[in-house]
Amino acid sequence: MNSERRSCLSIVLAAGEGVRMRSNRPKVMHEIGGRSLLAHALDAVRGAGPGDVAVVIGLGRDDVAAEALRVSPGAFIFVQRERSGTAHAALAAREAIARGYDDILITYADAPLIRCETLAAMRAALANGADLIALGFAAADPTGYGRLIERDGRLAAIREHKDANAEEKSAPLCNAGPVCFAGRQALSLLDAVTSDNAQKEYYLTDIVEIANRRGLVARALIADEGEVMGVNDRAQLAAAEAALQTRLRRTAMAGGATLIAPETVFLSFDTAIGRDVLIQPHVVIGRGVTIEDGAVIHAFSHLEGARIAGGASVGPFARLRPGAEVAARARVGNFVEVKQASIEEGAKVNHLSYIGDAKVGAGANIGAGTITCNYDGFSKYRTDIGAGAFIGSNSALVAPVTIGDGAYVGSGSVITKDVEPDALAVARGRQETRAGWAKSFRARKKGG
């Protein structure tokens, strides 16, 4: 039967507190690539094919439940009230398992790099005659990992490291954690697990031997070690971040973008980068950024929640905050911050400016040191700068205010009233020059 036509319940185990993280947040709420470990795991099971999702959380973890439902609306939430092992955690979802799915897929929220394609392959293997599929990998250093024990082309057992004998520890494959098995056998297998082991816990891995004793077919599917890494402490969190960044960078470059020094560019899980985009070194891209074909992001820029159109140029040392829209051929230069503002086609904000809650019209020029004064301590107000307007350097535009198309604002002005199209506005103190004043001032000071 085609795996996509089989009903499936994916159970994501997310009840661990992660003591080694030394954090007030549960482990699965820590982030890599701009989203939580839990969100990565949920995205993987969703991408593996249609089916329902159950998330097992710890007691009192409303924050984890909220995150699960945000990422996967409609997910079943179950609470593991006591921590007695992975099989015990899976059985917290007994009510959902009992609904009678064809397949049960169990995975872990602290393994954020497992690809949806790998989980889909597990489901496909189950559809092709196996009763149970466990995910394994070949470890460079197998110390501490459970072992997959294979005999005659089948998976005979998974032995936890603390319970394995010397021969079993020599097995080449390690346990990655995820397991997929026939729904008709699920509760029977899980209920048969005992706590007769070194940890006195109910191991999910024990279902492999139980399945074999019942004449069921168990097999292993092998994944890359880097894909199945778990996160238990801050060092492993950093390692997972690094691995994810490598994956994201390769995807961007495979799609036609140039990253001059890819190891210095940091992306988010949802970063969208078009063809012929050029990203210079030391660029950080947060969540919600789209960079269209042919745009250039110069060095040391920081972008989040922004859209950059084709042919636009951003940076160096620019900051685009949420709501920034940079249109085709527009320029946002060095030490410029843009927030909740559109820089329209061909407009230039080249240096040392803040544009917030504003529109900069097509072809307008914003001089150095210009700021839109958008906040009075209570509310935000908008500034509308018309097409072709010219704003002189070191100007302050006090919102709400409109600068008409083609208008000029003299350098150093503080603009508090609307400026008509094609008008000149100058709002600064009149210059007064007193000949010889400086020379006499110095003389008085020296003589005193």
Foldseek 3Di string as FASTA:
>chain_A
DALQPFAEEEEAEQAAQLVQAVDPHRQQQDDFQFGGLQLLVVVLQVLLHDYAYEYEYEPPPVVVVVSCCVNPPPHHYFYQDDDFEDLSSVCSCVVVLVVFTFKYKYYYSQLRQAHSPLVNVQSRVQVVAAFKEFEKEFDPDCPQFWAFDDDPQFTQFTGGPQADDPVRSPHRIGGLGMMMGGSVCVVVLSVPFALPGPVSGRYPRGSNNVCVVVVGTYHYDYDYPLRSDGDNYPVSVVVVNQSVLVVVLVVQVVQAEAEPDSSQERHHPPEAEHHCEYEYGNEYEHPQEYEYHQEYEYHCEYEYQEYAYHQEYEEDCEYEYRLEYEEHCEYHYHCEYEENEYEYANEYDHEQEYAYQEYAEHNEYAEHQEYEQQDDPPGGFYEYEYHCEYEAHNEYEYPPEYEYACEYEHHNADHDYYHYHVYYHYHDDDDDDDPPPVVVVVVVVVVD
